[in-house]
């Protein structure tokens, strides 16, 4: 299967981190194509970033999604998932939505670890679609700038481990790591963790593979025509013209 790992911010290391975890989980059955935005924010942190990154996500999908079986959004705000699903007509998952769905199959009380206090309002707004407060036990916000660059990750893993231990102490049955840079930590930290850990790379890989194997599960959505200007040729070609 051909999977597009699409990152609507400009940090290629983030794309590579999620793509590496998808390859590790699915092995040779998956060909993973990496696509990183060429415009917009380096990292999505606030609502303005999310608005610009939504355009970047659609543009990447139009440029790289023509012959893929599914798309994984490698950004923890699940930027543009519904729009890309409409655009391409194939399975599209955001890493946070996938992680939350998997966590709910594991435990009844979920704890969250997110990156950066500045991003908490955006997390609360865009992830409200998953009704996070319904079964939330705790939410730990940590600062881990080293997670966004190559190099030794021992300090990052220590900070995340401490956050997960606090979640467990506060009543969580399972921990969800909100952050594309944390892809891979479930498998590395899970064996010694007091509670199961789910990250978006692991969950997204398993769930997308299951959706692809299941075949078409619903009729394609209608795509109403509309006049657009100033978009890339690839994106414009996928939007029906106003007179169609």
Protein backbone atom coordinates (compact mmCIF):
# COMPACT_ATOMS: atom_id res chain seq x y z
CA UNK A 1 0.00 0.00 0.00
CA UNK A 2 1.11 3.56 -0.73
CA UNK A 3 0.69 5.95 2.20
CA UNK A 4 1.25 9.69 2.07
CA UNK A 5 2.74 11.12 5.25
CA UNK A 6 1.77 14.76 4.92
CA UNK A 7 3.15 17.49 7.19
CA UNK A 8 1.56 20.94 6.74
CA UNK A 9 4.39 22.75 8.52
CA UNK A 10 7.88 23.37 7.13
CA UNK A 11 9.92 21.19 9.51
CA UNK A 12 11.03 18.17 7.47
CA UNK A 13 12.41 16.47 10.58
CA UNK A 14 8.84 16.20 11.92
CA UNK A 15 7.69 14.54 8.68
CA UNK A 16 10.60 12.12 8.79
CA UNK A 17 9.91 11.24 12.43
CA UNK A 18 6.32 10.21 11.75
CA UNK A 19 7.17 8.49 8.48
CA UNK A 20 9.92 6.45 10.17
CA UNK A 21 7.45 5.18 12.76
CA UNK A 22 4.90 4.24 10.08
CA UNK A 23 7.62 2.26 8.26
CA UNK A 24 8.71 0.59 11.50
CA UNK A 25 5.14 -0.44 12.35
CA UNK A 26 4.00 -1.61 8.91
CA UNK A 27 7.27 -2.89 7.47
CA UNK A 28 7.72 -3.65 3.77
CA UNK A 29 3.99 -3.81 3.01
CA UNK A 30 3.86 0.00 3.09
CA UNK A 31 5.52 2.48 0.76
CA UNK A 32 5.56 5.76 2.66
CA UNK A 33 5.81 9.02 0.71
CA UNK A 34 6.92 12.06 2.72
CA UNK A 35 5.60 15.53 1.90
CA UNK A 36 6.49 18.68 3.83
CA UNK A 37 5.00 22.14 3.31
CA UNK A 38 7.04 24.67 1.36
CA UNK A 39 5.19 27.67 2.83
CA UNK A 40 3.59 28.60 6.12
CA UNK A 41 4.76 28.10 9.72
CA UNK A 42 7.85 26.13 10.67
CA UNK A 43 5.81 24.61 13.51
CA UNK A 44 2.07 25.00 14.15
CA UNK A 45 1.57 26.68 17.53
CA UNK A 46 -1.35 29.13 17.37
CA UNK A 47 -4.58 29.68 15.45
CA UNK A 48 -2.92 31.83 12.78
CA UNK A 49 -0.47 29.01 12.06
CA UNK A 50 -3.30 26.51 11.80
CA UNK A 51 -5.19 28.69 9.29
CA UNK A 52 -2.19 29.00 6.97
CA UNK A 53 -1.22 25.35 7.42
CA UNK A 54 -4.69 24.25 6.31
CA UNK A 55 -3.98 25.71 2.87
CA UNK A 56 -0.55 24.06 2.86
CA UNK A 57 -2.14 20.71 3.74
CA UNK A 58 -4.57 20.89 0.81
CA UNK A 59 -1.82 21.94 -1.56
CA UNK A 60 0.40 19.02 -0.50
CA UNK A 61 -2.50 16.59 -0.88
CA UNK A 62 -3.17 17.83 -4.41
CA UNK A 63 0.51 17.62 -5.37
CA UNK A 64 1.33 14.23 -3.87
CA UNK A 65 -1.93 12.37 -3.29
CA UNK A 66 -3.03 11.38 -6.78
CA UNK A 67 -1.98 7.74 -6.56
CA UNK A 68 -1.86 6.96 -2.84
CA UNK A 69 -4.12 4.60 -0.91
CA UNK A 70 -4.36 6.73 2.22
CA UNK A 71 -3.06 9.89 3.91
CA UNK A 72 -1.71 10.42 7.41
CA UNK A 73 -1.59 14.03 8.68
CA UNK A 74 1.75 14.32 10.48
CA UNK A 75 0.73 17.30 12.62
CA UNK A 76 -0.86 17.01 16.04
CA UNK A 77 -3.68 19.44 15.22
CA UNK A 78 -4.98 17.10 12.47
CA UNK A 79 -4.84 20.05 10.10
CA UNK A 80 -7.15 19.76 7.09
CA UNK A 81 -8.20 16.13 7.56
CA UNK A 82 -11.83 16.58 6.49
CA UNK A 83 -10.94 18.82 3.55
CA UNK A 84 -8.32 16.38 2.25
CA UNK A 85 -10.76 13.50 2.63
CA UNK A 86 -13.22 15.40 0.43
CA UNK A 87 -10.49 16.35 -2.03
CA UNK A 88 -8.95 12.90 -2.57
CA UNK A 89 -11.75 10.48 -1.64
CA UNK A 90 -9.41 8.08 0.19
CA UNK A 91 -8.87 7.30 3.90
CA UNK A 92 -7.35 10.31 5.68
CA UNK A 93 -6.44 10.33 9.37
CA UNK A 94 -4.89 12.85 11.70
CA UNK A 95 -2.37 11.48 14.15
CA UNK A 96 -4.17 12.87 17.20
CA UNK A 97 -7.56 11.54 16.19
CA UNK A 98 -6.03 8.12 15.56
CA UNK A 99 -4.21 8.11 18.91
CA UNK A 100 -7.31 9.14 20.85
CA UNK A 101 -9.44 6.49 19.12
CA UNK A 102 -6.90 3.77 19.89
CA UNK A 103 -6.53 4.90 23.51
CA UNK A 104 -10.27 4.54 23.99
CA UNK A 105 -9.97 0.89 23.02
CA UNK A 106 -7.39 0.42 25.78
CA UNK A 107 -8.58 2.34 28.83
CA UNK A 108 -11.50 4.28 30.30
CA UNK A 109 -9.58 7.29 31.63
CA UNK A 110 -7.20 9.01 29.22
CA UNK A 111 -4.27 11.24 30.06
CA UNK A 112 -2.75 13.62 27.52
CA UNK A 113 0.76 14.96 27.06
CA UNK A 114 1.05 17.98 24.77
CA UNK A 115 3.88 20.26 23.69
CA UNK A 116 4.10 23.92 24.71
CA UNK A 117 1.81 26.06 26.86
CA UNK A 118 1.40 28.50 23.95
CA UNK A 119 -0.35 25.77 21.93
CA UNK A 120 -2.86 24.69 24.59
CA UNK A 121 -5.70 26.98 23.37
CA UNK A 122 -5.32 25.63 19.84
CA UNK A 123 -5.26 22.04 21.10
CA UNK A 124 -8.45 22.64 23.06
CA UNK A 125 -10.25 24.19 20.08
CA UNK A 126 -9.28 21.87 17.24
CA UNK A 127 -9.36 18.63 19.22
CA UNK A 128 -12.74 19.38 20.79
CA UNK A 129 -14.20 17.43 17.86
CA UNK A 130 -13.01 14.27 19.66
CA UNK A 131 -14.87 15.19 22.88
CA UNK A 132 -11.61 14.94 24.82
CA UNK A 133 -13.11 16.03 28.16
CA UNK A 134 -15.53 13.10 28.11
CA UNK A 135 -12.98 10.66 29.51
CA UNK A 136 -9.98 12.85 30.31
CA UNK A 137 -8.21 12.05 33.57
CA UNK A 138 -5.40 14.59 33.28
CA UNK A 139 -3.46 16.74 30.83
CA UNK A 140 0.26 17.42 31.19
CA UNK A 141 1.76 20.28 29.15
CA UNK A 142 5.53 20.03 28.77
CA UNK A 143 8.25 22.05 27.05
CA UNK A 144 10.63 19.95 24.94
CA UNK A 145 12.31 22.11 22.24
CA UNK A 146 14.96 19.43 21.68
CA UNK A 147 12.28 17.16 20.24
CA UNK A 148 12.15 19.24 17.03
CA UNK A 149 15.71 18.59 15.86
CA UNK A 150 17.90 15.56 15.17
CA UNK A 151 20.23 14.39 17.91
CA UNK A 152 20.18 12.70 21.28
CA UNK A 153 16.61 12.35 22.56
CA UNK A 154 17.36 11.03 26.05
CA UNK A 155 16.37 14.33 27.69
CA UNK A 156 13.10 14.39 25.72
CA UNK A 157 12.30 10.82 26.70
CA UNK A 158 13.00 11.60 30.36
CA UNK A 159 10.60 14.57 30.30
CA UNK A 160 7.86 12.54 28.59
CA UNK A 161 8.39 9.65 31.01
CA UNK A 162 7.90 12.00 33.96
CA UNK A 163 4.72 13.38 32.42
CA UNK A 164 3.29 9.89 31.86
CA UNK A 165 4.10 8.94 35.45
CA UNK A 166 2.15 11.99 36.64
CA UNK A 167 -0.78 11.00 34.43
CA UNK A 168 -0.82 7.55 36.00
CA UNK A 169 -0.67 9.06 39.50
CA UNK A 170 -3.65 11.26 38.61
CA UNK A 171 -5.85 8.36 37.54
CA UNK A 172 -5.17 7.82 33.82
CA UNK A 173 -5.43 4.26 32.45
CA UNK A 174 -3.67 5.15 29.19
CA UNK A 175 -1.53 8.04 27.93
CA UNK A 176 -1.87 9.80 24.58
CA UNK A 177 1.16 11.74 23.32
CA UNK A 178 -0.06 14.78 21.36
CA UNK A 179 2.83 15.79 19.15
CA UNK A 180 4.17 14.52 15.85
CA UNK A 181 7.70 14.67 17.24
CA UNK A 182 6.72 12.00 19.78
CA UNK A 183 6.06 9.36 17.12
CA UNK A 184 7.96 6.23 18.11
CA UNK A 185 7.93 6.89 21.86
CA UNK A 186 5.08 4.42 22.48
CA UNK A 187 7.28 1.52 21.47
CA UNK A 188 10.42 2.86 23.17
CA UNK A 189 8.91 3.96 26.48
CA UNK A 190 5.91 1.63 26.71
CA UNK A 191 7.63 -1.46 28.14
CA UNK A 192 8.70 0.39 31.31
CA UNK A 193 5.69 2.69 31.61
CA UNK A 194 3.14 2.34 34.45
CA UNK A 195 0.33 2.71 31.88
CA UNK A 196 0.07 2.05 28.13
CA UNK A 197 1.30 4.87 25.87
CA UNK A 198 -0.16 5.66 22.44
CA UNK A 199 1.44 8.04 19.95
CA UNK A 200 0.02 9.20 16.63
CA UNK A 201 2.59 7.46 14.45
CA UNK A 202 1.81 4.04 15.90
CA UNK A 203 -1.95 4.53 15.97
CA UNK A 204 -2.11 6.21 12.57
CA UNK A 205 -0.12 3.44 10.89
CA UNK A 206 -2.29 0.64 12.27
CA UNK A 207 -5.60 2.38 11.62
CA UNK A 208 -4.79 3.53 8.10
CA UNK A 209 -3.61 0.05 7.15
CA UNK A 210 -6.87 -1.41 8.48
CA UNK A 211 -8.93 1.11 6.51
CA UNK A 212 -7.04 0.41 3.29
CA UNK A 213 -7.45 -3.36 3.70
CA UNK A 214 -11.18 -2.91 4.36
CA UNK A 215 -11.81 -1.30 0.98
CA UNK A 216 -14.38 1.39 0.30
CA UNK A 217 -16.63 1.82 3.33
CA UNK A 218 -18.82 4.72 2.17
CA UNK A 219 -20.04 6.43 -0.98
CA UNK A 220 -17.92 9.38 -2.13
CA UNK A 221 -19.08 12.76 -0.88
CA UNK A 222 -20.44 15.29 -3.39
CA UNK A 223 -17.98 17.97 -4.42
CA UNK A 224 -19.92 21.17 -5.12
CA UNK A 225 -18.41 23.46 -7.74
CA UNK A 226 -16.92 26.80 -6.86
CA UNK A 227 -14.80 29.52 -8.41
CA UNK A 228 -11.24 29.69 -7.04
CA UNK A 229 -8.23 31.77 -7.98
CA UNK A 230 -4.59 31.95 -7.01
CA UNK A 231 -4.15 28.30 -6.00
CA UNK A 232 -1.55 25.92 -7.35
CA UNK A 233 -2.46 24.22 -10.65
CA UNK A 234 -2.62 20.83 -8.89
CA UNK A 235 -5.09 22.05 -6.28
CA UNK A 236 -7.19 24.02 -8.78
CA UNK A 237 -7.54 20.91 -10.95
CA UNK A 238 -9.21 19.01 -8.11
CA UNK A 239 -11.89 21.66 -7.44
CA UNK A 240 -14.84 21.50 -9.88
CA UNK A 241 -15.26 24.79 -11.73
CA UNK A 242 -18.30 26.95 -10.97
CA UNK A 243 -19.97 26.15 -14.31
CA UNK A 244 -19.67 22.35 -14.03
